[in-house]
Amino acid sequence: INLTNSGINYTYPNLPNRFSIHPSY
């Protein structure tokens, strides 16, 4: 997880906040 308030009042093509999960078997 990556969270930041940078640019919270602006719209971006790619969000600065990111959530990801990578399960493997």
mmCIF file of all heavy atoms, coordinates in Angstrom:
data_MODEL
# 
_entry.id   MODEL 
# 
loop_
_atom_site.group_PDB 
_atom_site.id 
_atom_site.type_symbol 
_atom_site.label_atom_id 
_atom_site.label_alt_id 
_atom_site.label_comp_id 
_atom_site.label_asym_id 
_atom_site.label_entity_id 
_atom_site.label_seq_id 
_atom_site.pdbx_PDB_ins_code 
_atom_site.Cartn_x 
_atom_site.Cartn_y 
_atom_site.Cartn_z 
_atom_site.occupancy 
_atom_site.B_iso_or_equiv 
_atom_site.pdbx_formal_charge 
_atom_site.auth_seq_id 
_atom_site.auth_comp_id 
_atom_site.auth_asym_id 
_atom_site.auth_atom_id 
_atom_site.pdbx_PDB_model_num 
ATOM 1   N N   . ILE A 1 1  ? 0.845  -1.179  0.000   1.00 0.00 ? 1  ILE A N   1 
ATOM 2   C CA  . ILE A 1 1  ? 0.000  0.000   0.000   1.00 0.00 ? 1  ILE A CA  1 
ATOM 3   C C   . ILE A 1 1  ? 0.890  1.241   0.000   1.00 0.00 ? 1  ILE A C   1 
ATOM 4   O O   . ILE A 1 1  ? 1.944  1.275   0.650   1.00 0.00 ? 1  ILE A O   1 
ATOM 5   C CB  . ILE A 1 1  ? -0.946 0.005   1.223   1.00 0.00 ? 1  ILE A CB  1 
ATOM 6   C CG1 . ILE A 1 1  ? -1.875 1.221   1.181   1.00 0.00 ? 1  ILE A CG1 1 
ATOM 7   C CG2 . ILE A 1 1  ? -0.169 -0.035  2.529   1.00 0.00 ? 1  ILE A CG2 1 
ATOM 8   C CD1 . ILE A 1 1  ? -2.938 1.194   2.273   1.00 0.00 ? 1  ILE A CD1 1 
ATOM 9   N N   . ASN A 1 2  ? 0.481  2.237   -0.769  1.00 0.00 ? 2  ASN A N   1 
ATOM 10  C CA  . ASN A 1 2  ? 1.148  3.530   -0.792  1.00 0.00 ? 2  ASN A CA  1 
ATOM 11  C C   . ASN A 1 2  ? 0.077  4.614   -0.701  1.00 0.00 ? 2  ASN A C   1 
ATOM 12  O O   . ASN A 1 2  ? -0.785 4.713   -1.571  1.00 0.00 ? 2  ASN A O   1 
ATOM 13  C CB  . ASN A 1 2  ? 1.951  3.720   -2.084  1.00 0.00 ? 2  ASN A CB  1 
ATOM 14  C CG  . ASN A 1 2  ? 3.081  2.720   -2.207  1.00 0.00 ? 2  ASN A CG  1 
ATOM 15  O OD1 . ASN A 1 2  ? 4.127  2.856   -1.614  1.00 0.00 ? 2  ASN A OD1 1 
ATOM 16  N ND2 . ASN A 1 2  ? 2.840  1.696   -3.003  1.00 0.00 ? 2  ASN A ND2 1 
ATOM 17  N N   . LEU A 1 3  ? 0.136  5.423   0.364   1.00 0.00 ? 3  LEU A N   1 
ATOM 18  C CA  . LEU A 1 3  ? -0.843 6.480   0.578   1.00 0.00 ? 3  LEU A CA  1 
ATOM 19  C C   . LEU A 1 3  ? -0.123 7.813   0.724   1.00 0.00 ? 3  LEU A C   1 
ATOM 20  O O   . LEU A 1 3  ? 0.899  7.909   1.402   1.00 0.00 ? 3  LEU A O   1 
ATOM 21  C CB  . LEU A 1 3  ? -1.660 6.217   1.841   1.00 0.00 ? 3  LEU A CB  1 
ATOM 22  C CG  . LEU A 1 3  ? -2.608 5.011   1.835   1.00 0.00 ? 3  LEU A CG  1 
ATOM 23  C CD1 . LEU A 1 3  ? -3.255 4.846   3.203   1.00 0.00 ? 3  LEU A CD1 1 
ATOM 24  C CD2 . LEU A 1 3  ? -3.676 5.176   0.768   1.00 0.00 ? 3  LEU A CD2 1 
ATOM 25  N N   . THR A 1 4  ? -0.664 8.846   0.087   1.00 0.00 ? 4  THR A N   1 
ATOM 26  C CA  . THR A 1 4  ? -0.111 10.187  0.224   1.00 0.00 ? 4  THR A CA  1 
ATOM 27  C C   . THR A 1 4  ? -1.214 11.203  -0.023  1.00 0.00 ? 4  THR A C   1 
ATOM 28  O O   . THR A 1 4  ? -2.175 10.931  -0.740  1.00 0.00 ? 4  THR A O   1 
ATOM 29  C CB  . THR A 1 4  ? 1.044  10.425  -0.761  1.00 0.00 ? 4  THR A CB  1 
ATOM 30  O OG1 . THR A 1 4  ? 1.489  11.779  -0.645  1.00 0.00 ? 4  THR A OG1 1 
ATOM 31  C CG2 . THR A 1 4  ? 0.611  10.169  -2.193  1.00 0.00 ? 4  THR A CG2 1 
ATOM 32  N N   . ASN A 1 5  ? -1.071 12.359  0.592   1.00 0.00 ? 5  ASN A N   1 
ATOM 33  C CA  . ASN A 1 5  ? -2.030 13.439  0.352   1.00 0.00 ? 5  ASN A CA  1 
ATOM 34  C C   . ASN A 1 5  ? -1.524 14.408  -0.706  1.00 0.00 ? 5  ASN A C   1 
ATOM 35  O O   . ASN A 1 5  ? -2.126 15.448  -0.951  1.00 0.00 ? 5  ASN A O   1 
ATOM 36  C CB  . ASN A 1 5  ? -2.325 14.197  1.642   1.00 0.00 ? 5  ASN A CB  1 
ATOM 37  C CG  . ASN A 1 5  ? -1.136 15.043  2.087   1.00 0.00 ? 5  ASN A CG  1 
ATOM 38  O OD1 . ASN A 1 5  ? 0.012  14.664  1.864   1.00 0.00 ? 5  ASN A OD1 1 
ATOM 39  N ND2 . ASN A 1 5  ? -1.398 16.173  2.722   1.00 0.00 ? 5  ASN A ND2 1 
ATOM 40  N N   . SER A 1 6  ? -0.426 14.064  -1.356  1.00 0.00 ? 6  SER A N   1 
ATOM 41  C CA  . SER A 1 6  ? 0.117  14.915  -2.416  1.00 0.00 ? 6  SER A CA  1 
ATOM 42  C C   . SER A 1 6  ? -0.878 15.019  -3.566  1.00 0.00 ? 6  SER A C   1 
ATOM 43  O O   . SER A 1 6  ? -1.325 14.025  -4.114  1.00 0.00 ? 6  SER A O   1 
ATOM 44  C CB  . SER A 1 6  ? 1.445  14.347  -2.925  1.00 0.00 ? 6  SER A CB  1 
ATOM 45  O OG  . SER A 1 6  ? 1.951  15.105  -3.986  1.00 0.00 ? 6  SER A OG  1 
ATOM 46  N N   . GLY A 1 7  ? -1.236 16.238  -3.919  1.00 0.00 ? 7  GLY A N   1 
ATOM 47  C CA  . GLY A 1 7  ? -2.171 16.452  -5.011  1.00 0.00 ? 7  GLY A CA  1 
ATOM 48  C C   . GLY A 1 7  ? -3.582 16.022  -4.686  1.00 0.00 ? 7  GLY A C   1 
ATOM 49  O O   . GLY A 1 7  ? -4.332 15.650  -5.585  1.00 0.00 ? 7  GLY A O   1 
ATOM 50  N N   . ILE A 1 8  ? -3.968 16.101  -3.427  1.00 0.00 ? 8  ILE A N   1 
ATOM 51  C CA  . ILE A 1 8  ? -5.289 15.610  -3.033  1.00 0.00 ? 8  ILE A CA  1 
ATOM 52  C C   . ILE A 1 8  ? -6.404 16.419  -3.685  1.00 0.00 ? 8  ILE A C   1 
ATOM 53  O O   . ILE A 1 8  ? -7.512 15.928  -3.892  1.00 0.00 ? 8  ILE A O   1 
ATOM 54  C CB  . ILE A 1 8  ? -5.422 15.635  -1.490  1.00 0.00 ? 8  ILE A CB  1 
ATOM 55  C CG1 . ILE A 1 8  ? -6.662 14.843  -1.060  1.00 0.00 ? 8  ILE A CG1 1 
ATOM 56  C CG2 . ILE A 1 8  ? -5.478 17.058  -0.962  1.00 0.00 ? 8  ILE A CG2 1 
ATOM 57  C CD1 . ILE A 1 8  ? -6.756 14.625  0.430   1.00 0.00 ? 8  ILE A CD1 1 
ATOM 58  N N   . ASN A 1 9  ? -6.128 17.668  -4.047  1.00 0.00 ? 9  ASN A N   1 
ATOM 59  C CA  . ASN A 1 9  ? -7.149 18.516  -4.661  1.00 0.00 ? 9  ASN A CA  1 
ATOM 60  C C   . ASN A 1 9  ? -7.076 18.521  -6.177  1.00 0.00 ? 9  ASN A C   1 
ATOM 61  O O   . ASN A 1 9  ? -7.731 19.338  -6.820  1.00 0.00 ? 9  ASN A O   1 
ATOM 62  C CB  . ASN A 1 9  ? -7.005 19.951  -4.136  1.00 0.00 ? 9  ASN A CB  1 
ATOM 63  C CG  . ASN A 1 9  ? -7.276 20.049  -2.646  1.00 0.00 ? 9  ASN A CG  1 
ATOM 64  O OD1 . ASN A 1 9  ? -8.180 19.387  -2.135  1.00 0.00 ? 9  ASN A OD1 1 
ATOM 65  N ND2 . ASN A 1 9  ? -6.496 20.857  -1.937  1.00 0.00 ? 9  ASN A ND2 1 
ATOM 66  N N   . TYR A 1 10 ? -6.256 17.634  -6.752  1.00 0.00 ? 10 TYR A N   1 
ATOM 67  C CA  . TYR A 1 10 ? -6.075 17.625  -8.190  1.00 0.00 ? 10 TYR A CA  1 
ATOM 68  C C   . TYR A 1 10 ? -6.382 16.242  -8.749  1.00 0.00 ? 10 TYR A C   1 
ATOM 69  O O   . TYR A 1 10 ? -6.298 15.236  -8.044  1.00 0.00 ? 10 TYR A O   1 
ATOM 70  C CB  . TYR A 1 10 ? -4.652 18.055  -8.560  1.00 0.00 ? 10 TYR A CB  1 
ATOM 71  C CG  . TYR A 1 10 ? -4.334 19.462  -8.123  1.00 0.00 ? 10 TYR A CG  1 
ATOM 72  C CD1 . TYR A 1 10 ? -3.785 19.713  -6.877  1.00 0.00 ? 10 TYR A CD1 1 
ATOM 73  C CD2 . TYR A 1 10 ? -4.616 20.546  -8.956  1.00 0.00 ? 10 TYR A CD2 1 
ATOM 74  C CE1 . TYR A 1 10 ? -3.512 21.009  -6.466  1.00 0.00 ? 10 TYR A CE1 1 
ATOM 75  C CE2 . TYR A 1 10 ? -4.346 21.841  -8.558  1.00 0.00 ? 10 TYR A CE2 1 
ATOM 76  C CZ  . TYR A 1 10 ? -3.796 22.068  -7.308  1.00 0.00 ? 10 TYR A CZ  1 
ATOM 77  O OH  . TYR A 1 10 ? -3.540 23.351  -6.909  1.00 0.00 ? 10 TYR A OH  1 
ATOM 78  N N   . THR A 1 11 ? -6.730 16.215  -10.018 1.00 0.00 ? 11 THR A N   1 
ATOM 79  C CA  . THR A 1 11 ? -7.064 14.964  -10.684 1.00 0.00 ? 11 THR A CA  1 
ATOM 80  C C   . THR A 1 11 ? -5.896 14.511  -11.545 1.00 0.00 ? 11 THR A C   1 
ATOM 81  O O   . THR A 1 11 ? -5.348 15.296  -12.314 1.00 0.00 ? 11 THR A O   1 
ATOM 82  C CB  . THR A 1 11 ? -8.315 15.142  -11.562 1.00 0.00 ? 11 THR A CB  1 
ATOM 83  O OG1 . THR A 1 11 ? -9.388 15.615  -10.749 1.00 0.00 ? 11 THR A OG1 1 
ATOM 84  C CG2 . THR A 1 11 ? -8.710 13.821  -12.197 1.00 0.00 ? 11 THR A CG2 1 
ATOM 85  N N   . TYR A 1 12 ? -5.526 13.250  -11.410 1.00 0.00 ? 12 TYR A N   1 
ATOM 86  C CA  . TYR A 1 12 ? -4.393 12.686  -12.132 1.00 0.00 ? 12 TYR A CA  1 
ATOM 87  C C   . TYR A 1 12 ? -4.849 11.535  -13.010 1.00 0.00 ? 12 TYR A C   1 
ATOM 88  O O   . TYR A 1 12 ? -5.766 10.795  -12.646 1.00 0.00 ? 12 TYR A O   1 
ATOM 89  C CB  . TYR A 1 12 ? -3.332 12.157  -11.152 1.00 0.00 ? 12 TYR A CB  1 
ATOM 90  C CG  . TYR A 1 12 ? -2.605 13.220  -10.374 1.00 0.00 ? 12 TYR A CG  1 
ATOM 91  C CD1 . TYR A 1 12 ? -3.131 13.734  -9.192  1.00 0.00 ? 12 TYR A CD1 1 
ATOM 92  C CD2 . TYR A 1 12 ? -1.379 13.708  -10.808 1.00 0.00 ? 12 TYR A CD2 1 
ATOM 93  C CE1 . TYR A 1 12 ? -2.461 14.703  -8.478  1.00 0.00 ? 12 TYR A CE1 1 
ATOM 94  C CE2 . TYR A 1 12 ? -0.698 14.670  -10.096 1.00 0.00 ? 12 TYR A CE2 1 
ATOM 95  C CZ  . TYR A 1 12 ? -1.244 15.166  -8.931  1.00 0.00 ? 12 TYR A CZ  1 
ATOM 96  O OH  . TYR A 1 12 ? -0.585 16.131  -8.222  1.00 0.00 ? 12 TYR A OH  1 
ATOM 97  N N   . PRO A 1 13 ? -4.182 11.330  -14.162 1.00 0.00 ? 13 PRO A N   1 
ATOM 98  C CA  . PRO A 1 13 ? -4.482 10.141  -14.968 1.00 0.00 ? 13 PRO A CA  1 
ATOM 99  C C   . PRO A 1 13 ? -4.165 8.850   -14.227 1.00 0.00 ? 13 PRO A C   1 
ATOM 100 O O   . PRO A 1 13 ? -4.834 7.842   -14.413 1.00 0.00 ? 13 PRO A O   1 
ATOM 101 C CB  . PRO A 1 13 ? -3.571 10.315  -16.198 1.00 0.00 ? 13 PRO A CB  1 
ATOM 102 C CG  . PRO A 1 13 ? -3.271 11.769  -16.254 1.00 0.00 ? 13 PRO A CG  1 
ATOM 103 C CD  . PRO A 1 13 ? -3.225 12.231  -14.832 1.00 0.00 ? 13 PRO A CD  1 
ATOM 104 N N   . ASN A 1 14 ? -3.114 8.874   -13.392 1.00 0.00 ? 14 ASN A N   1 
ATOM 105 C CA  . ASN A 1 14 ? -2.769 7.731   -12.538 1.00 0.00 ? 14 ASN A CA  1 
ATOM 106 C C   . ASN A 1 14 ? -2.723 8.213   -11.102 1.00 0.00 ? 14 ASN A C   1 
ATOM 107 O O   . ASN A 1 14 ? -2.024 9.175   -10.784 1.00 0.00 ? 14 ASN A O   1 
ATOM 108 C CB  . ASN A 1 14 ? -1.415 7.134   -12.928 1.00 0.00 ? 14 ASN A CB  1 
ATOM 109 C CG  . ASN A 1 14 ? -1.438 6.535   -14.317 1.00 0.00 ? 14 ASN A CG  1 
ATOM 110 O OD1 . ASN A 1 14 ? -0.964 7.143   -15.265 1.00 0.00 ? 14 ASN A OD1 1 
ATOM 111 N ND2 . ASN A 1 14 ? -1.989 5.350   -14.449 1.00 0.00 ? 14 ASN A ND2 1 
ATOM 112 N N   . LEU A 1 15 ? -3.463 7.574   -10.234 1.00 0.00 ? 15 LEU A N   1 
ATOM 113 C CA  . LEU A 1 15 ? -3.567 8.026   -8.850  1.00 0.00 ? 15 LEU A CA  1 
ATOM 114 C C   . LEU A 1 15 ? -2.243 7.857   -8.113  1.00 0.00 ? 15 LEU A C   1 
ATOM 115 O O   . LEU A 1 15 ? -1.539 6.867   -8.297  1.00 0.00 ? 15 LEU A O   1 
ATOM 116 C CB  . LEU A 1 15 ? -4.655 7.235   -8.129  1.00 0.00 ? 15 LEU A CB  1 
ATOM 117 C CG  . LEU A 1 15 ? -6.094 7.477   -8.610  1.00 0.00 ? 15 LEU A CG  1 
ATOM 118 C CD1 . LEU A 1 15 ? -7.050 6.547   -7.875  1.00 0.00 ? 15 LEU A CD1 1 
ATOM 119 C CD2 . LEU A 1 15 ? -6.487 8.928   -8.380  1.00 0.00 ? 15 LEU A CD2 1 
ATOM 120 N N   . PRO A 1 16 ? -1.895 8.813   -7.237  1.00 0.00 ? 16 PRO A N   1 
ATOM 121 C CA  . PRO A 1 16 ? -0.694 8.656   -6.427  1.00 0.00 ? 16 PRO A CA  1 
ATOM 122 C C   . PRO A 1 16 ? -0.860 7.590   -5.348  1.00 0.00 ? 16 PRO A C   1 
ATOM 123 O O   . PRO A 1 16 ? 0.128  7.049   -4.854  1.00 0.00 ? 16 PRO A O   1 
ATOM 124 C CB  . PRO A 1 16 ? -0.496 10.054  -5.821  1.00 0.00 ? 16 PRO A CB  1 
ATOM 125 C CG  . PRO A 1 16 ? -1.858 10.674  -5.849  1.00 0.00 ? 16 PRO A CG  1 
ATOM 126 C CD  . PRO A 1 16 ? -2.536 10.123  -7.059  1.00 0.00 ? 16 PRO A CD  1 
ATOM 127 N N   . ASN A 1 17 ? -2.090 7.290   -4.956  1.00 0.00 ? 17 ASN A N   1 
ATOM 128 C CA  . ASN A 1 17 ? -2.335 6.241   -3.970  1.00 0.00 ? 17 ASN A CA  1 
ATOM 129 C C   . ASN A 1 17 ? -2.484 4.903   -4.677  1.00 0.00 ? 17 ASN A C   1 
ATOM 130 O O   . ASN A 1 17 ? -3.188 4.799   -5.683  1.00 0.00 ? 17 ASN A O   1 
ATOM 131 C CB  . ASN A 1 17 ? -3.595 6.534   -3.160  1.00 0.00 ? 17 ASN A CB  1 
ATOM 132 C CG  . ASN A 1 17 ? -3.476 7.802   -2.341  1.00 0.00 ? 17 ASN A CG  1 
ATOM 133 O OD1 . ASN A 1 17 ? -2.378 8.186   -1.956  1.00 0.00 ? 17 ASN A OD1 1 
ATOM 134 N ND2 . ASN A 1 17 ? -4.587 8.465   -2.089  1.00 0.00 ? 17 ASN A ND2 1 
ATOM 135 N N   . ARG A 1 18 ? -1.815 3.881   -4.130  1.00 0.00 ? 18 ARG A N   1 
ATOM 136 C CA  . ARG A 1 18 ? -1.800 2.587   -4.806  1.00 0.00 ? 18 ARG A CA  1 
ATOM 137 C C   . ARG A 1 18 ? -2.055 1.462   -3.807  1.00 0.00 ? 18 ARG A C   1 
ATOM 138 O O   . ARG A 1 18 ? -1.539 1.474   -2.692  1.00 0.00 ? 18 ARG A O   1 
ATOM 139 C CB  . ARG A 1 18 ? -0.455 2.359   -5.512  1.00 0.00 ? 18 ARG A CB  1 
ATOM 140 C CG  . ARG A 1 18 ? -0.096 3.431   -6.519  1.00 0.00 ? 18 ARG A CG  1 
ATOM 141 C CD  . ARG A 1 18 ? 1.236  3.185   -7.171  1.00 0.00 ? 18 ARG A CD  1 
ATOM 142 N NE  . ARG A 1 18 ? 1.248  1.977   -7.989  1.00 0.00 ? 18 ARG A NE  1 
ATOM 143 C CZ  . ARG A 1 18 ? 2.285  1.582   -8.706  1.00 0.00 ? 18 ARG A CZ  1 
ATOM 144 N NH1 . ARG A 1 18 ? 3.401  2.280   -8.685  1.00 0.00 ? 18 ARG A NH1 1 
ATOM 145 N NH2 . ARG A 1 18 ? 2.215  0.483   -9.420  1.00 0.00 ? 18 ARG A NH2 1 
ATOM 146 N N   . PHE A 1 19 ? -2.853 0.483   -4.243  1.00 0.00 ? 19 PHE A N   1 
ATOM 147 C CA  . PHE A 1 19 ? -3.125 -0.718  -3.464  1.00 0.00 ? 19 PHE A CA  1 
ATOM 148 C C   . PHE A 1 19 ? -2.941 -1.926  -4.391  1.00 0.00 ? 19 PHE A C   1 
ATOM 149 O O   . PHE A 1 19 ? -3.479 -1.945  -5.494  1.00 0.00 ? 19 PHE A O   1 
ATOM 150 C CB  . PHE A 1 19 ? -4.553 -0.715  -2.910  1.00 0.00 ? 19 PHE A CB  1 
ATOM 151 C CG  . PHE A 1 19 ? -4.918 0.506   -2.115  1.00 0.00 ? 19 PHE A CG  1 
ATOM 152 C CD1 . PHE A 1 19 ? -5.396 1.642   -2.744  1.00 0.00 ? 19 PHE A CD1 1 
ATOM 153 C CD2 . PHE A 1 19 ? -4.771 0.511   -0.742  1.00 0.00 ? 19 PHE A CD2 1 
ATOM 154 C CE1 . PHE A 1 19 ? -5.733 2.769   -2.021  1.00 0.00 ? 19 PHE A CE1 1 
ATOM 155 C CE2 . PHE A 1 19 ? -5.101 1.632   -0.008  1.00 0.00 ? 19 PHE A CE2 1 
ATOM 156 C CZ  . PHE A 1 19 ? -5.595 2.766   -0.645  1.00 0.00 ? 19 PHE A CZ  1 
ATOM 157 N N   . SER A 1 20 ? -2.220 -2.922  -3.919  1.00 0.00 ? 20 SER A N   1 
ATOM 158 C CA  . SER A 1 20 ? -2.018 -4.096  -4.766  1.00 0.00 ? 20 SER A CA  1 
ATOM 159 C C   . SER A 1 20 ? -1.811 -5.335  -3.909  1.00 0.00 ? 20 SER A C   1 
ATOM 160 O O   . SER A 1 20 ? -1.346 -5.266  -2.771  1.00 0.00 ? 20 SER A O   1 
ATOM 161 C CB  . SER A 1 20 ? -0.813 -3.903  -5.697  1.00 0.00 ? 20 SER A CB  1 
ATOM 162 O OG  . SER A 1 20 ? 0.381  -3.730  -4.957  1.00 0.00 ? 20 SER A OG  1 
ATOM 163 N N   . ILE A 1 21 ? -2.170 -6.478  -4.497  1.00 0.00 ? 21 ILE A N   1 
ATOM 164 C CA  . ILE A 1 21 ? -1.989 -7.764  -3.846  1.00 0.00 ? 21 ILE A CA  1 
ATOM 165 C C   . ILE A 1 21 ? -1.447 -8.737  -4.890  1.00 0.00 ? 21 ILE A C   1 
ATOM 166 O O   . ILE A 1 21 ? -1.830 -8.681  -6.058  1.00 0.00 ? 21 ILE A O   1 
ATOM 167 C CB  . ILE A 1 21 ? -3.314 -8.269  -3.226  1.00 0.00 ? 21 ILE A CB  1 
ATOM 168 C CG1 . ILE A 1 21 ? -3.076 -9.527  -2.391  1.00 0.00 ? 21 ILE A CG1 1 
ATOM 169 C CG2 . ILE A 1 21 ? -4.370 -8.485  -4.279  1.00 0.00 ? 21 ILE A CG2 1 
ATOM 170 C CD1 . ILE A 1 21 ? -4.276 -9.933  -1.560  1.00 0.00 ? 21 ILE A CD1 1 
ATOM 171 N N   . HIS A 1 22 ? -0.511 -9.611  -4.448  1.00 0.00 ? 22 HIS A N   1 
ATOM 172 C CA  . HIS A 1 22 ? 0.203  -10.476 -5.395  1.00 0.00 ? 22 HIS A CA  1 
ATOM 173 C C   . HIS A 1 22 ? 0.274  -11.918 -4.869  1.00 0.00 ? 22 HIS A C   1 
ATOM 174 O O   . HIS A 1 22 ? 1.352  -12.406 -4.533  1.00 0.00 ? 22 HIS A O   1 
ATOM 175 C CB  . HIS A 1 22 ? 1.619  -9.942  -5.631  1.00 0.00 ? 22 HIS A CB  1 
ATOM 176 C CG  . HIS A 1 22 ? 1.680  -8.488  -5.971  1.00 0.00 ? 22 HIS A CG  1 
ATOM 177 N ND1 . HIS A 1 22 ? 1.647  -8.031  -7.264  1.00 0.00 ? 22 HIS A ND1 1 
ATOM 178 C CD2 . HIS A 1 22 ? 1.756  -7.387  -5.177  1.00 0.00 ? 22 HIS A CD2 1 
ATOM 179 C CE1 . HIS A 1 22 ? 1.713  -6.703  -7.267  1.00 0.00 ? 22 HIS A CE1 1 
ATOM 180 N NE2 . HIS A 1 22 ? 1.769  -6.294  -6.010  1.00 0.00 ? 22 HIS A NE2 1 
ATOM 181 N N   . PRO A 1 23 ? -0.826 -12.614 -4.808  1.00 0.00 ? 23 PRO A N   1 
ATOM 182 C CA  . PRO A 1 23 ? -0.789 -13.998 -4.329  1.00 0.00 ? 23 PRO A CA  1 
ATOM 183 C C   . PRO A 1 23 ? -0.063 -14.913 -5.321  1.00 0.00 ? 23 PRO A C   1 
ATOM 184 O O   . PRO A 1 23 ? -0.193 -14.753 -6.541  1.00 0.00 ? 23 PRO A O   1 
ATOM 185 C CB  . PRO A 1 23 ? -2.268 -14.377 -4.196  1.00 0.00 ? 23 PRO A CB  1 
ATOM 186 C CG  . PRO A 1 23 ? -2.971 -13.463 -5.146  1.00 0.00 ? 23 PRO A CG  1 
ATOM 187 C CD  . PRO A 1 23 ? -2.190 -12.181 -5.143  1.00 0.00 ? 23 PRO A CD  1 
ATOM 188 N N   . SER A 1 24 ? 0.695  -15.879 -4.776  1.00 0.00 ? 24 SER A N   1 
ATOM 189 C CA  . SER A 1 24 ? 1.428  -16.809 -5.639  1.00 0.00 ? 24 SER A CA  1 
ATOM 190 C C   . SER A 1 24 ? 1.315  -18.225 -5.091  1.00 0.00 ? 24 SER A C   1 
ATOM 191 O O   . SER A 1 24 ? 1.210  -18.439 -3.877  1.00 0.00 ? 24 SER A O   1 
ATOM 192 C CB  . SER A 1 24 ? 2.900  -16.404 -5.742  1.00 0.00 ? 24 SER A CB  1 
ATOM 193 O OG  . SER A 1 24 ? 3.535  -16.475 -4.476  1.00 0.00 ? 24 SER A OG  1 
ATOM 194 N N   . TYR A 1 25 ? 1.339  -19.179 -6.001  1.00 0.00 ? 25 TYR A N   1 
ATOM 195 C CA  . TYR A 1 25 ? 1.325  -20.603 -5.648  1.00 0.00 ? 25 TYR A CA  1 
ATOM 196 C C   . TYR A 1 25 ? 2.259  -21.335 -6.605  1.00 0.00 ? 25 TYR A C   1 
ATOM 197 O O   . TYR A 1 25 ? 2.037  -21.333 -7.829  1.00 0.00 ? 25 TYR A O   1 
ATOM 198 C CB  . TYR A 1 25 ? -0.087 -21.176 -5.743  1.00 0.00 ? 25 TYR A CB  1 
ATOM 199 C CG  . TYR A 1 25 ? -0.152 -22.665 -5.491  1.00 0.00 ? 25 TYR A CG  1 
ATOM 200 C CD1 . TYR A 1 25 ? 0.035  -23.189 -4.217  1.00 0.00 ? 25 TYR A CD1 1 
ATOM 201 C CD2 . TYR A 1 25 ? -0.385 -23.549 -6.540  1.00 0.00 ? 25 TYR A CD2 1 
ATOM 202 C CE1 . TYR A 1 25 ? -0.022 -24.554 -3.983  1.00 0.00 ? 25 TYR A CE1 1 
ATOM 203 C CE2 . TYR A 1 25 ? -0.443 -24.916 -6.321  1.00 0.00 ? 25 TYR A CE2 1 
ATOM 204 C CZ  . TYR A 1 25 ? -0.255 -25.415 -5.037  1.00 0.00 ? 25 TYR A CZ  1 
ATOM 205 O OH  . TYR A 1 25 ? -0.300 -26.762 -4.809  1.00 0.00 ? 25 TYR A OH  1 
# 
